[in-house]
Amino acid sequence: MDSESRTQYEWLALRCQSGEAGAFEDLIGVMERPLLYYAASLTGSMDSALDVLQEVWIKAFGGIRKLKDPGSLRPWLYTVTHGIAVDRIRKSYSREQAEKVQYEDFQEAEEPSFAEEDAAQVHAALNQIGLHHREVLVLHFLEDLSLKEIAKVVGCSEGTVKSRIHYGKRQMKQILEGVKYGTANE
């Protein structure tokens, strides 16, 4: 994110923290769609995502005054969204199913690249990959968070984020090329 955008979010956070009339509504207006998309990509359901978002706004309203770094407003909101969505997922599925993702040895040199694809196909492919890969791809490519910010949001190291992005991109490429994940010989 560029410094101008960061400054705009910081100003919005400061407005909310000072209790300025209409500031929280402005925050919702700016962040509702990206947070809803992120929540839906995690939960796999628009209904669940709407429930998650409702909880996010309640927590944000009560907690924004405690936000120490107003410039970290976006990552903070994604962290709140992530926490609530993961809690819902854990309640819906067994912990084993929610965290059932295996990794091969990570080799950064083998980064697959993507040609421009139809947005609907990309979103459909995102829904076919595992939660851990889907969440980092959404945060990195669609929400433009840094590796450090993503690591904080999902609660893992930057190296793990890199690995998840790498394997998520590989899975996406296989799906978009019509190869069913796990069946290609590499």
Protein backbone atom coordinates (compact mmCIF):
# COMPACT_ATOMS: atom_id res chain seq x y z
CA MET A 1 0.00 0.00 0.00
CA ASP A 2 1.37 3.42 -0.85
CA SER A 3 2.02 6.07 1.80
CA GLU A 4 -0.91 8.21 0.64
CA SER A 5 -3.37 5.33 1.20
CA ARG A 6 -1.76 4.53 4.55
CA THR A 7 -2.17 8.17 5.56
CA GLN A 8 -5.85 8.13 4.56
CA TYR A 9 -6.50 5.03 6.68
CA GLU A 10 -4.53 6.54 9.56
CA TRP A 11 -6.65 9.70 9.35
CA LEU A 12 -9.82 7.62 9.30
CA ALA A 13 -8.65 5.71 12.39
CA LEU A 14 -7.84 8.96 14.21
CA ARG A 15 -11.28 10.33 13.34
CA CYS A 16 -12.90 7.19 14.77
CA GLN A 17 -10.71 7.31 17.88
CA SER A 18 -11.68 10.93 18.55
CA GLY A 19 -15.38 10.06 18.27
CA GLU A 20 -16.02 12.29 15.27
CA ALA A 21 -19.62 12.00 14.09
CA GLY A 22 -19.85 9.90 10.94
CA ALA A 23 -16.27 8.60 11.12
CA PHE A 24 -17.23 5.01 11.93
CA GLU A 25 -19.80 5.02 9.12
CA ASP A 26 -17.04 6.22 6.78
CA LEU A 27 -14.84 3.35 7.99
CA ILE A 28 -17.59 0.86 7.27
CA GLY A 29 -18.15 2.41 3.84
CA VAL A 30 -14.47 1.99 2.93
CA MET A 31 -13.76 -1.42 4.47
CA GLU A 32 -17.03 -3.35 4.35
CA ARG A 33 -16.64 -4.88 0.87
CA PRO A 34 -12.99 -6.00 1.22
CA LEU A 35 -13.60 -7.42 4.71
CA LEU A 36 -16.77 -9.17 3.55
CA TYR A 37 -14.88 -10.72 0.63
CA TYR A 38 -12.08 -11.84 2.95
CA ALA A 39 -14.55 -13.32 5.46
CA ALA A 40 -16.43 -15.10 2.65
CA SER A 41 -13.19 -16.50 1.26
CA LEU A 42 -12.36 -17.92 4.68
CA THR A 43 -15.77 -19.26 5.66
CA GLY A 44 -16.91 -20.33 2.20
CA SER A 45 -20.36 -18.92 2.83
CA MET A 46 -21.79 -15.45 2.32
CA ASP A 47 -24.19 -15.98 5.24
CA SER A 48 -21.32 -16.86 7.57
CA ALA A 49 -19.28 -13.97 6.19
CA LEU A 50 -22.08 -11.53 6.97
CA ASP A 51 -22.26 -12.89 10.53
CA VAL A 52 -18.48 -12.56 10.85
CA LEU A 53 -18.59 -9.00 9.53
CA GLN A 54 -21.28 -8.05 12.02
CA GLU A 55 -19.04 -9.28 14.85
CA VAL A 56 -16.06 -7.46 13.32
CA TRP A 57 -17.87 -4.13 13.39
CA ILE A 58 -18.96 -4.68 16.99
CA LYS A 59 -15.37 -5.46 18.04
CA ALA A 60 -13.99 -2.62 15.94
CA PHE A 61 -16.41 -0.12 17.41
CA GLY A 62 -15.43 -1.14 20.92
CA GLY A 63 -11.72 -1.53 20.26
CA ILE A 64 -10.67 1.16 17.80
CA ARG A 65 -9.90 3.65 20.56
CA LYS A 66 -7.31 1.19 21.91
CA LEU A 67 -5.55 0.89 18.54
CA LYS A 68 -2.02 2.13 19.34
CA ASP A 69 -0.88 2.63 15.74
CA PRO A 70 -3.66 4.27 13.71
CA GLY A 71 -1.61 3.57 10.56
CA SER A 72 -2.18 -0.15 11.08
CA LEU A 73 -5.96 0.17 10.80
CA ARG A 74 -6.34 -2.15 7.76
CA PRO A 75 -4.15 -4.97 9.09
CA TRP A 76 -5.88 -4.66 12.47
CA LEU A 77 -9.33 -5.03 10.86
CA TYR A 78 -8.12 -8.05 8.87
CA THR A 79 -6.71 -9.56 12.07
CA VAL A 80 -10.06 -9.11 13.82
CA THR A 81 -11.87 -10.59 10.80
CA HIS A 82 -9.46 -13.51 10.63
CA GLY A 83 -9.87 -14.30 14.32
CA ILE A 84 -13.65 -14.29 14.21
CA ALA A 85 -13.79 -16.30 10.96
CA VAL A 86 -11.34 -18.91 12.24
CA ASP A 87 -13.33 -19.27 15.47
CA ARG A 88 -16.45 -19.92 13.37
CA ILE A 89 -14.61 -22.43 11.21
CA ARG A 90 -13.30 -24.28 14.25
CA LYS A 91 -16.81 -24.48 15.63
CA SER A 92 -18.13 -25.82 12.32
CA TYR A 93 -15.39 -28.34 11.58
CA SER A 94 -13.11 -30.45 13.63
CA ARG A 95 -9.72 -28.88 14.25
CA GLU A 96 -8.15 -31.65 12.21
CA GLN A 97 -10.24 -30.76 9.15
CA ALA A 98 -9.73 -27.01 9.53
CA GLU A 99 -5.96 -27.36 9.63
CA LYS A 100 -5.58 -30.25 7.18
CA VAL A 101 -2.98 -28.85 4.83
CA GLN A 102 0.30 -30.59 4.09
CA TYR A 103 3.39 -28.88 2.74
CA GLU A 104 6.15 -30.15 0.55
CA ASP A 105 9.64 -28.69 0.88
CA PHE A 106 9.42 -25.05 -0.02
CA GLN A 107 11.55 -24.00 -2.97
CA GLU A 108 11.19 -20.30 -3.63
CA ALA A 109 12.87 -20.54 -7.05
CA GLU A 110 9.91 -22.41 -8.58
CA GLU A 111 7.43 -19.53 -8.44
CA PRO A 112 4.65 -20.20 -10.94
CA SER A 113 3.38 -17.17 -12.81
CA PHE A 114 -0.16 -16.43 -13.92
CA ALA A 115 -1.44 -15.07 -17.16
CA GLU A 116 -4.39 -12.70 -16.76
CA GLU A 117 -7.49 -14.79 -16.14
CA ASP A 118 -11.14 -14.01 -16.03
CA ALA A 119 -11.98 -12.71 -12.53
CA ALA A 120 -14.87 -15.15 -12.09
CA GLN A 121 -12.57 -18.10 -12.82
CA VAL A 122 -9.98 -16.81 -10.37
CA HIS A 123 -12.58 -16.40 -7.61
CA ALA A 124 -14.01 -19.85 -8.33
CA ALA A 125 -10.50 -21.33 -8.20
CA LEU A 126 -9.85 -19.57 -4.89
CA ASN A 127 -12.86 -21.34 -3.44
CA GLN A 128 -11.34 -24.71 -4.42
CA ILE A 129 -8.06 -24.35 -2.54
CA GLY A 130 -7.42 -24.88 1.16
CA LEU A 131 -8.16 -22.24 3.77
CA HIS A 132 -4.54 -21.51 4.69
CA HIS A 133 -3.58 -20.88 1.08
CA ARG A 134 -6.76 -19.00 0.23
CA GLU A 135 -6.45 -16.53 3.10
CA VAL A 136 -2.84 -15.51 2.29
CA LEU A 137 -3.56 -15.18 -1.43
CA VAL A 138 -6.56 -12.93 -0.76
CA LEU A 139 -4.63 -10.77 1.70
CA HIS A 140 -1.54 -10.51 -0.49
CA PHE A 141 -2.91 -10.14 -4.01
CA LEU A 142 -6.38 -8.73 -3.50
CA GLU A 143 -5.93 -6.69 -0.33
CA ASP A 144 -2.28 -5.72 -0.92
CA LEU A 145 -1.04 -6.46 2.60
CA SER A 146 2.69 -6.99 3.11
CA LEU A 147 4.13 -10.37 4.12
CA LYS A 148 4.75 -8.98 7.60
CA GLU A 149 1.15 -7.77 7.91
CA ILE A 150 -0.23 -11.09 6.63
CA ALA A 151 1.94 -13.01 9.11
CA LYS A 152 0.47 -10.93 11.92
CA VAL A 153 -3.11 -11.37 10.64
CA VAL A 154 -2.94 -15.17 10.28
CA GLY A 155 -0.60 -15.77 13.22
CA CYS A 156 2.40 -17.40 11.58
CA SER A 157 5.91 -16.52 10.42
CA GLU A 158 6.69 -14.58 7.24
CA GLY A 159 8.40 -17.71 5.90
CA THR A 160 5.20 -19.68 6.35
CA VAL A 161 3.28 -16.92 4.57
CA LYS A 162 5.74 -17.12 1.64
CA SER A 163 5.33 -20.88 1.53
CA ARG A 164 1.54 -20.68 1.61
CA ILE A 165 1.55 -18.06 -1.16
CA HIS A 166 3.87 -20.26 -3.24
CA TYR A 167 1.76 -23.40 -2.89
CA GLY A 168 -1.50 -21.46 -3.16
CA LYS A 169 -0.35 -19.96 -6.46
CA ARG A 170 0.67 -23.43 -7.66
CA GLN A 171 -2.76 -24.83 -6.78
CA MET A 172 -4.48 -21.88 -8.44
CA LYS A 173 -2.43 -22.35 -11.59
CA GLN A 174 -3.29 -26.05 -11.73
CA ILE A 175 -6.99 -25.34 -11.25
CA LEU A 176 -7.02 -22.55 -13.82
CA GLU A 177 -5.18 -24.76 -16.30
CA GLY A 178 -7.76 -27.49 -15.74
CA VAL A 179 -5.49 -29.85 -13.82
CA LYS A 180 -7.11 -31.26 -10.72
CA TYR A 181 -4.97 -30.43 -7.67
CA GLY A 182 -2.82 -33.29 -6.47
CA THR A 183 -2.92 -35.27 -9.71
CA ALA A 184 -0.22 -33.48 -11.70
CA ASN A 185 3.22 -34.97 -11.87
CA GLU A 186 5.79 -32.39 -10.89
